[in-house]
Amino acid sequence: MLPIILGTKQIPIDTENLLLNCPSCNSHQFSDILVSSQYFHLYYLPVIPIDKDAYSICNKCGYQRSFEFSRKFVQENSIQAKKFRHPAFTYSGILIIIVMIIFIIIAN
């Protein structure tokens, strides 16, 4: 019997340099923001994206923190949301399932 291999994986999407308040050095400094996409996979084939996470690194003191990459954060910091879309390949599992269902319907 073949074991079912499933789980989640995280890949980086893009980076941005923003002016944010650092809680460590209490200054308004530029920080590097790394946004990553988390997706569900089945047999290492991406099925569907789950979430986006962001990590910031203060350019002054090097303090690192993670936070949820939400619409509120995008609007507050005037970020182009299109730049941080989930990669297209993370939807490949859904596409394969849809093609299989269409093939089964046509075959019958």
C-alpha atoms as a PDB file:
ATOM      1  CA  MET A   1       0.000   0.000   0.000  1.00  0.00           C
ATOM      2  CA  LEU A   2       1.314   3.413  -1.000  1.00  0.00           C
ATOM      3  CA  PRO A   3       1.536   5.934   1.885  1.00  0.00           C
ATOM      4  CA  ILE A   4      -0.210   9.257   1.390  1.00  0.00           C
ATOM      5  CA  ILE A   5       2.338  12.074   1.448  1.00  0.00           C
ATOM      6  CA  LEU A   6       0.776  15.426   2.233  1.00  0.00           C
ATOM      7  CA  GLY A   7       1.700  18.585   4.035  1.00  0.00           C
ATOM      8  CA  THR A   8       2.442  22.245   3.645  1.00  0.00           C
ATOM      9  CA  LYS A   9       5.390  24.117   2.210  1.00  0.00           C
ATOM     10  CA  GLN A  10       6.429  27.740   2.230  1.00  0.00           C
ATOM     11  CA  ILE A  11       8.154  29.610  -0.611  1.00  0.00           C
ATOM     12  CA  PRO A  12       9.239  33.263  -0.852  1.00  0.00           C
ATOM     13  CA  ILE A  13       7.194  35.512  -3.150  1.00  0.00           C
ATOM     14  CA  ASP A  14       8.980  38.871  -3.115  1.00  0.00           C
ATOM     15  CA  THR A  15      10.600  41.525  -0.931  1.00  0.00           C
ATOM     16  CA  GLU A  16       9.883  45.196  -0.261  1.00  0.00           C
ATOM     17  CA  ASN A  17      11.723  47.926   1.633  1.00  0.00           C
ATOM     18  CA  LEU A  18       9.278  49.872   3.846  1.00  0.00           C
ATOM     19  CA  LEU A  19       9.473  52.563   6.495  1.00  0.00           C
ATOM     20  CA  LEU A  20       8.147  50.871   9.668  1.00  0.00           C
ATOM     21  CA  ASN A  21       8.281  51.408  13.423  1.00  0.00           C
ATOM     22  CA  CYS A  22      10.767  48.950  14.984  1.00  0.00           C
ATOM     23  CA  PRO A  23       9.682  47.722  18.445  1.00  0.00           C
ATOM     24  CA  SER A  24      13.287  46.847  19.371  1.00  0.00           C
ATOM     25  CA  CYS A  25      15.133  50.106  18.730  1.00  0.00           C
ATOM     26  CA  ASN A  26      11.976  52.299  18.984  1.00  0.00           C
ATOM     27  CA  SER A  27      12.700  54.176  15.784  1.00  0.00           C
ATOM     28  CA  HIS A  28      10.955  54.694  12.480  1.00  0.00           C
ATOM     29  CA  GLN A  29      13.409  52.897  10.177  1.00  0.00           C
ATOM     30  CA  PHE A  30      13.428  51.191   6.832  1.00  0.00           C
ATOM     31  CA  SER A  31      12.834  47.468   7.125  1.00  0.00           C
ATOM     32  CA  ASP A  32      13.156  44.700   4.572  1.00  0.00           C
ATOM     33  CA  ILE A  33       9.848  42.827   4.238  1.00  0.00           C
ATOM     34  CA  LEU A  34       9.919  39.262   2.893  1.00  0.00           C
ATOM     35  CA  VAL A  35       6.508  37.866   1.911  1.00  0.00           C
ATOM     36  CA  SER A  36       6.118  34.106   1.530  1.00  0.00           C
ATOM     37  CA  SER A  37       3.312  31.880   0.299  1.00  0.00           C
ATOM     38  CA  GLN A  38       2.273  28.763   2.163  1.00  0.00           C
ATOM     39  CA  TYR A  39       0.530  26.033   0.177  1.00  0.00           C
ATOM     40  CA  PHE A  40      -0.896  22.558   0.725  1.00  0.00           C
ATOM     41  CA  HIS A  41       0.701  19.732  -1.263  1.00  0.00           C
ATOM     42  CA  LEU A  42      -0.251  16.132  -1.987  1.00  0.00           C
ATOM     43  CA  TYR A  43       2.611  13.873  -3.087  1.00  0.00           C
ATOM     44  CA  TYR A  44       4.714  17.061  -3.374  1.00  0.00           C
ATOM     45  CA  LEU A  45       2.304  18.452  -5.987  1.00  0.00           C
ATOM     46  CA  PRO A  46       0.989  21.889  -4.939  1.00  0.00           C
ATOM     47  CA  VAL A  47      -2.783  21.720  -4.556  1.00  0.00           C
ATOM     48  CA  ILE A  48      -3.904  25.080  -3.192  1.00  0.00           C
ATOM     49  CA  PRO A  49      -2.347  28.139  -1.502  1.00  0.00           C
ATOM     50  CA  ILE A  50      -3.269  28.489   2.150  1.00  0.00           C
ATOM     51  CA  ASP A  51      -1.824  31.704   3.544  1.00  0.00           C
ATOM     52  CA  LYS A  52       0.739  34.487   3.186  1.00  0.00           C
ATOM     53  CA  ASP A  53       3.205  35.388   5.904  1.00  0.00           C
ATOM     54  CA  ALA A  54       5.559  38.325   6.123  1.00  0.00           C
ATOM     55  CA  TYR A  55       8.842  38.790   7.944  1.00  0.00           C
ATOM     56  CA  SER A  56      10.429  42.147   8.622  1.00  0.00           C
ATOM     57  CA  ILE A  57      14.075  42.866   9.375  1.00  0.00           C
ATOM     58  CA  CYS A  58      14.989  46.300  10.735  1.00  0.00           C
ATOM     59  CA  ASN A  59      17.857  47.816   8.740  1.00  0.00           C
ATOM     60  CA  LYS A  60      19.160  49.649  11.839  1.00  0.00           C
ATOM     61  CA  CYS A  61      19.259  47.001  14.580  1.00  0.00           C
ATOM     62  CA  GLY A  62      18.539  43.764  12.664  1.00  0.00           C
ATOM     63  CA  TYR A  63      15.430  42.917  14.727  1.00  0.00           C
ATOM     64  CA  GLN A  64      13.322  40.252  13.003  1.00  0.00           C
ATOM     65  CA  ARG A  65       9.618  39.661  13.453  1.00  0.00           C
ATOM     66  CA  SER A  66       6.882  37.810  11.626  1.00  0.00           C
ATOM     67  CA  PHE A  67       3.320  38.924  11.028  1.00  0.00           C
ATOM     68  CA  GLU A  68       0.303  38.114   8.919  1.00  0.00           C
ATOM     69  CA  PHE A  69       0.348  39.687   5.470  1.00  0.00           C
ATOM     70  CA  SER A  70      -3.200  41.063   5.512  1.00  0.00           C
ATOM     71  CA  ARG A  71      -5.187  43.504   3.378  1.00  0.00           C
ATOM     72  CA  LYS A  72      -5.037  45.968   6.238  1.00  0.00           C
ATOM     73  CA  PHE A  73      -1.203  45.895   6.164  1.00  0.00           C
ATOM     74  CA  VAL A  74      -1.203  46.369   2.375  1.00  0.00           C
ATOM     75  CA  GLN A  75      -3.567  49.354   2.583  1.00  0.00           C
ATOM     76  CA  GLU A  76      -1.762  51.015   5.522  1.00  0.00           C
ATOM     77  CA  ASN A  77       1.619  50.838   3.771  1.00  0.00           C
ATOM     78  CA  SER A  78       0.466  51.577   0.201  1.00  0.00           C
ATOM     79  CA  ILE A  79       1.883  48.327  -1.183  1.00  0.00           C
ATOM     80  CA  GLN A  80       0.958  46.979  -4.613  1.00  0.00           C
ATOM     81  CA  ALA A  81      -0.922  43.776  -3.767  1.00  0.00           C
ATOM     82  CA  LYS A  82      -0.369  42.381  -7.284  1.00  0.00           C
ATOM     83  CA  LYS A  83       3.348  42.127  -6.550  1.00  0.00           C
ATOM     84  CA  PHE A  84       2.664  39.633  -3.754  1.00  0.00           C
ATOM     85  CA  ARG A  85       0.235  37.214  -5.393  1.00  0.00           C
ATOM     86  CA  HIS A  86       0.516  33.493  -4.772  1.00  0.00           C
ATOM     87  CA  PRO A  87       2.623  31.919  -7.551  1.00  0.00           C
ATOM     88  CA  ALA A  88       0.543  30.341 -10.323  1.00  0.00           C
ATOM     89  CA  PHE A  89       2.069  26.885  -9.844  1.00  0.00           C
ATOM     90  CA  THR A  90       0.550  26.653  -6.338  1.00  0.00           C
ATOM     91  CA  TYR A  91      -2.836  26.194  -8.047  1.00  0.00           C
ATOM     92  CA  SER A  92      -1.635  23.310 -10.265  1.00  0.00           C
ATOM     93  CA  GLY A  93      -3.288  20.594  -8.153  1.00  0.00           C
ATOM     94  CA  ILE A  94      -6.711  22.204  -8.551  1.00  0.00           C
ATOM     95  CA  LEU A  95      -6.158  22.455 -12.305  1.00  0.00           C
ATOM     96  CA  ILE A  96      -5.255  18.750 -12.525  1.00  0.00           C
ATOM     97  CA  ILE A  97      -8.332  17.763 -10.501  1.00  0.00           C
ATOM     98  CA  ILE A  98     -10.617  19.885 -12.727  1.00  0.00           C
ATOM     99  CA  VAL A  99      -9.103  18.369 -15.887  1.00  0.00           C
ATOM    100  CA  MET A 100      -9.606  14.849 -14.475  1.00  0.00           C
ATOM    101  CA  ILE A 101     -13.261  15.572 -13.626  1.00  0.00           C
ATOM    102  CA  ILE A 102     -13.889  16.977 -17.108  1.00  0.00           C
ATOM    103  CA  PHE A 103     -12.193  13.941 -18.665  1.00  0.00           C
ATOM    104  CA  ILE A 104     -14.352  11.560 -16.597  1.00  0.00           C
ATOM    105  CA  ILE A 105     -17.520  13.449 -17.568  1.00  0.00           C
ATOM    106  CA  ILE A 106     -16.598  13.397 -21.262  1.00  0.00           C
ATOM    107  CA  ALA A 107     -15.549   9.719 -21.155  1.00  0.00           C
ATOM    108  CA  ASN A 108     -18.933   8.669 -19.781  1.00  0.00           C
END
